[in-house]
N, C-alpha and C. Protein backbone atom coordinates (compact mmCIF):
# COMPACT_ATOMS: atom_id res chain seq x y z
N UNK A 1 120.49 297.63 26.75
CA UNK A 1 120.17 296.09 26.57
C UNK A 1 119.15 295.49 27.11
N UNK A 2 118.59 294.33 26.61
CA UNK A 2 117.25 294.08 26.25
C UNK A 2 116.93 292.89 27.47
N UNK A 3 116.06 292.71 27.75
CA UNK A 3 115.81 291.92 29.18
C UNK A 3 115.09 290.56 28.18
N UNK A 4 115.40 289.19 28.36
CA UNK A 4 115.42 288.35 27.58
C UNK A 4 113.70 287.48 28.01
N UNK A 5 112.99 286.90 27.24
CA UNK A 5 111.47 286.82 27.36
C UNK A 5 111.50 285.79 28.36
N UNK A 6 110.40 285.59 29.26
CA UNK A 6 110.52 284.94 30.31
C UNK A 6 110.13 283.19 29.64
N UNK A 7 110.40 282.09 30.13
CA UNK A 7 110.15 280.97 29.76
C UNK A 7 108.88 280.56 30.06
N UNK A 8 108.22 279.61 29.84
CA UNK A 8 106.81 279.70 30.46
C UNK A 8 106.94 278.03 31.00
N UNK A 9 106.14 278.33 32.30
CA UNK A 9 106.19 276.88 33.20
C UNK A 9 105.91 275.83 32.36
N UNK A 10 106.65 274.90 33.39
CA UNK A 10 106.38 273.38 32.43
C UNK A 10 104.98 272.83 32.57
N UNK A 11 104.62 272.28 31.58
CA UNK A 11 103.00 271.71 32.00
C UNK A 11 103.28 270.46 32.78
N UNK A 12 102.23 270.36 34.21
CA UNK A 12 102.11 269.44 34.81
C UNK A 12 102.42 267.81 33.89
N UNK A 13 102.85 266.98 34.45
CA UNK A 13 103.08 265.59 34.10
C UNK A 13 101.76 264.78 34.25
N UNK A 14 101.75 263.88 32.97
CA UNK A 14 100.31 263.23 33.41
C UNK A 14 100.34 262.28 34.23
N UNK A 15 99.56 261.82 34.70
CA UNK A 15 99.15 260.44 36.11
C UNK A 15 100.32 259.16 35.65
N UNK A 16 100.62 259.10 34.45
CA UNK A 16 100.88 257.58 33.79
C UNK A 16 102.62 258.08 33.46
N UNK A 17 102.64 259.24 33.75
CA UNK A 17 104.44 259.55 33.52
C UNK A 17 105.62 258.36 33.99
N UNK A 18 106.42 258.64 33.44
CA UNK A 18 107.40 257.70 34.24
C UNK A 18 107.90 258.53 35.57
N UNK A 19 107.81 257.57 36.30
CA UNK A 19 108.39 257.94 37.84
C UNK A 19 110.01 258.30 37.77
N UNK A 20 110.17 259.29 38.66
CA UNK A 20 111.68 259.43 38.62
C UNK A 20 112.44 259.43 40.05
N UNK A 21 113.21 258.69 39.99
CA UNK A 21 113.65 258.44 41.35
C UNK A 21 114.41 259.73 42.05
N UNK A 22 114.44 259.55 43.42
CA UNK A 22 114.39 260.77 44.22
C UNK A 22 115.89 261.68 43.74
N UNK A 23 115.24 262.95 44.28
CA UNK A 23 116.43 264.13 44.12
C UNK A 23 117.24 264.49 45.21
N UNK A 24 118.33 264.80 44.94
CA UNK A 24 119.16 265.11 45.53
C UNK A 24 119.18 266.76 46.15
N UNK A 25 118.77 267.29 47.56
CA UNK A 25 118.27 268.61 47.73
C UNK A 25 119.32 268.58 48.10
N UNK A 26 119.54 270.42 48.81
CA UNK A 26 120.34 271.13 49.86
C UNK A 26 119.46 271.95 50.26
N UNK A 27 120.09 272.51 51.47
CA UNK A 27 119.61 273.54 52.31
C UNK A 27 120.49 273.61 53.74
N UNK A 28 120.31 274.55 54.04
CA UNK A 28 120.91 275.08 55.65
C UNK A 28 120.30 274.66 56.60
N UNK A 29 121.51 274.11 57.48
CA UNK A 29 120.52 273.01 58.90
C UNK A 29 119.88 273.95 59.44
N UNK A 30 118.92 274.26 59.88
CA UNK A 30 117.99 275.26 60.71
C UNK A 30 118.46 275.37 62.13
N UNK A 31 119.10 274.54 62.44
CA UNK A 31 119.87 274.65 64.18
C UNK A 31 121.24 275.40 64.23
N UNK A 32 122.26 274.80 63.28
CA UNK A 32 123.64 275.33 63.17
C UNK A 32 124.26 276.28 61.93
N UNK A 33 123.16 275.54 60.86
CA UNK A 33 123.51 276.43 59.59
C UNK A 33 124.35 275.90 58.97
N UNK A 34 124.55 274.59 58.98
CA UNK A 34 125.81 273.79 58.15
C UNK A 34 125.06 273.88 56.69
N UNK A 35 125.87 273.37 55.61
CA UNK A 35 124.94 273.24 54.35
C UNK A 35 124.70 271.60 54.65
N UNK A 36 123.65 270.97 54.31
CA UNK A 36 123.30 269.75 54.02
C UNK A 36 122.72 269.46 53.08
N UNK A 37 123.02 268.10 52.87
CA UNK A 37 121.84 267.36 51.73
C UNK A 37 121.54 266.58 52.12
N UNK A 38 120.18 266.34 51.31
CA UNK A 38 119.35 265.16 51.69
C UNK A 38 118.31 264.64 50.39
N UNK A 39 117.76 263.76 50.90
CA UNK A 39 116.46 263.27 49.44
C UNK A 39 115.57 264.19 49.83
N UNK A 40 114.67 264.93 48.72
CA UNK A 40 113.56 265.23 48.28
C UNK A 40 113.20 265.98 49.55
N UNK A 41 114.09 266.78 50.05
CA UNK A 41 113.46 267.95 51.24
C UNK A 41 113.42 267.31 52.37
N UNK A 42 114.15 265.96 52.58
CA UNK A 42 114.10 265.43 53.75
C UNK A 42 115.75 265.23 54.22
N UNK A 43 116.31 266.14 55.31
CA UNK A 43 117.27 266.18 55.89
C UNK A 43 117.88 266.18 57.18
N UNK A 44 118.60 265.55 57.07
CA UNK A 44 119.87 265.20 58.46
C UNK A 44 120.97 265.54 58.60
N UNK A 45 121.34 266.35 59.51
CA UNK A 45 122.55 267.46 60.11
C UNK A 45 123.00 266.22 60.65
N UNK A 46 124.70 266.02 59.91
CA UNK A 46 125.51 265.02 60.88
C UNK A 46 126.48 266.09 61.74
N UNK A 47 126.20 267.73 62.11
CA UNK A 47 127.27 268.01 62.59
C UNK A 47 126.57 268.49 63.76
N UNK A 48 125.09 268.36 63.88
CA UNK A 48 124.68 269.25 65.11
C UNK A 48 123.54 267.92 65.48
N UNK A 49 122.94 267.29 64.51
CA UNK A 49 122.07 266.37 64.97
C UNK A 49 120.71 266.43 64.53
N UNK A 50 120.23 267.90 64.17
CA UNK A 50 119.17 267.98 63.91
C UNK A 50 118.42 267.24 62.64
N UNK A 51 117.19 267.09 62.52
CA UNK A 51 116.35 265.99 61.84
C UNK A 51 115.23 266.89 61.36
N UNK A 52 114.87 267.39 60.39
CA UNK A 52 113.51 268.04 59.93
C UNK A 52 112.38 266.64 59.50
N UNK A 53 111.56 267.13 60.09
CA UNK A 53 110.18 265.75 60.06
C UNK A 53 109.85 265.75 58.77
N UNK A 54 109.50 264.14 58.23
CA UNK A 54 109.53 263.44 57.14
C UNK A 54 108.38 264.26 56.28
N UNK A 55 107.20 265.07 56.91
CA UNK A 55 106.53 265.02 56.09
C UNK A 55 106.34 266.54 55.23
N UNK A 56 107.79 267.18 55.65
CA UNK A 56 108.38 268.02 54.83
C UNK A 56 109.15 267.96 53.38
N UNK A 57 109.06 266.75 52.91
CA UNK A 57 109.97 266.38 51.86
C UNK A 57 109.28 266.79 50.48
N UNK A 58 109.43 266.87 49.60
CA UNK A 58 108.72 267.07 48.23
C UNK A 58 107.82 266.30 47.80
N UNK A 59 108.23 265.05 48.44
CA UNK A 59 106.96 264.26 47.76
C UNK A 59 106.38 263.13 48.30
N UNK A 60 105.79 262.04 48.21
CA UNK A 60 105.26 261.55 49.43
C UNK A 60 105.67 260.22 49.05
N UNK A 61 106.06 259.30 50.38
CA UNK A 61 106.99 258.50 50.18
C UNK A 61 106.40 257.13 50.26
N UNK A 62 107.36 256.15 49.24
CA UNK A 62 106.64 255.23 48.89
C UNK A 62 106.08 253.94 50.40
N UNK A 63 105.53 253.32 49.83
CA UNK A 63 104.81 252.54 50.79
C UNK A 63 105.45 251.00 51.05
N UNK A 64 105.90 250.38 51.84
CA UNK A 64 106.83 249.17 51.26
C UNK A 64 105.67 248.18 50.45
N UNK A 65 104.73 248.17 50.66
CA UNK A 65 103.64 247.51 49.57
C UNK A 65 103.84 247.73 48.21
N UNK A 66 103.91 248.83 47.87
CA UNK A 66 104.64 249.33 46.50
C UNK A 66 105.76 248.91 46.00
N UNK A 67 106.64 248.54 46.78
CA UNK A 67 108.06 248.19 46.17
C UNK A 67 107.98 246.66 45.65
N UNK A 68 107.96 246.95 44.11
CA UNK A 68 108.20 246.26 42.93
C UNK A 68 109.23 245.39 42.84
N UNK A 69 110.34 245.16 44.01
CA UNK A 69 111.38 244.24 43.82
C UNK A 69 111.09 242.85 44.82
N UNK A 70 110.19 243.51 45.70
CA UNK A 70 110.01 242.55 46.98
C UNK A 70 108.89 241.48 46.15
N UNK A 71 109.62 240.05 46.84
CA UNK A 71 108.64 238.62 45.87
C UNK A 71 107.15 238.69 46.53
N UNK A 72 106.74 238.31 45.38
CA UNK A 72 105.10 238.00 46.30
C UNK A 72 104.85 236.90 47.43
N UNK A 73 104.34 237.64 47.99
CA UNK A 73 103.59 236.48 49.23
C UNK A 73 104.63 236.66 50.49
N UNK A 74 105.89 237.68 50.31
CA UNK A 74 106.63 237.35 51.10
C UNK A 74 106.29 238.63 52.27
N UNK A 75 106.80 237.62 53.61
CA UNK A 75 105.99 238.61 54.77
C UNK A 75 107.18 240.04 55.00
N UNK A 76 106.50 240.59 55.43
CA UNK A 76 107.08 241.78 55.83
C UNK A 76 107.37 241.79 57.68
N UNK A 77 108.95 240.83 57.73
CA UNK A 77 109.37 241.00 58.96
C UNK A 77 109.69 242.15 59.81
N UNK A 78 110.28 243.43 58.96
CA UNK A 78 110.34 244.33 59.51
C UNK A 78 109.07 245.53 60.74
N UNK A 79 108.15 244.72 60.39
CA UNK A 79 106.68 245.20 60.98
C UNK A 79 106.71 244.99 62.42
N UNK A 80 106.18 245.70 63.27
CA UNK A 80 106.28 245.57 64.65
C UNK A 80 104.56 245.07 64.92
N UNK A 81 104.91 243.81 66.29
CA UNK A 81 103.44 243.39 66.61
C UNK A 81 102.98 242.71 65.89
């Protein structure tokens, strides 16, 4: 029985590559062990209420200013202060 050759690691994508949307990821809740799904490594358990910190995600969260669907010159009424 022979072992198949290892596949090479993918090349890093250039900075101008097409941005792929968020990926659904799965993990066990760190508090109760329930299998939970999240977006890019950000989780919230619906059973016990545990939530991981947003900085534990797999990629940086986009800023509101980066939203291409937002009309130019619109005020951001969701900001405090």
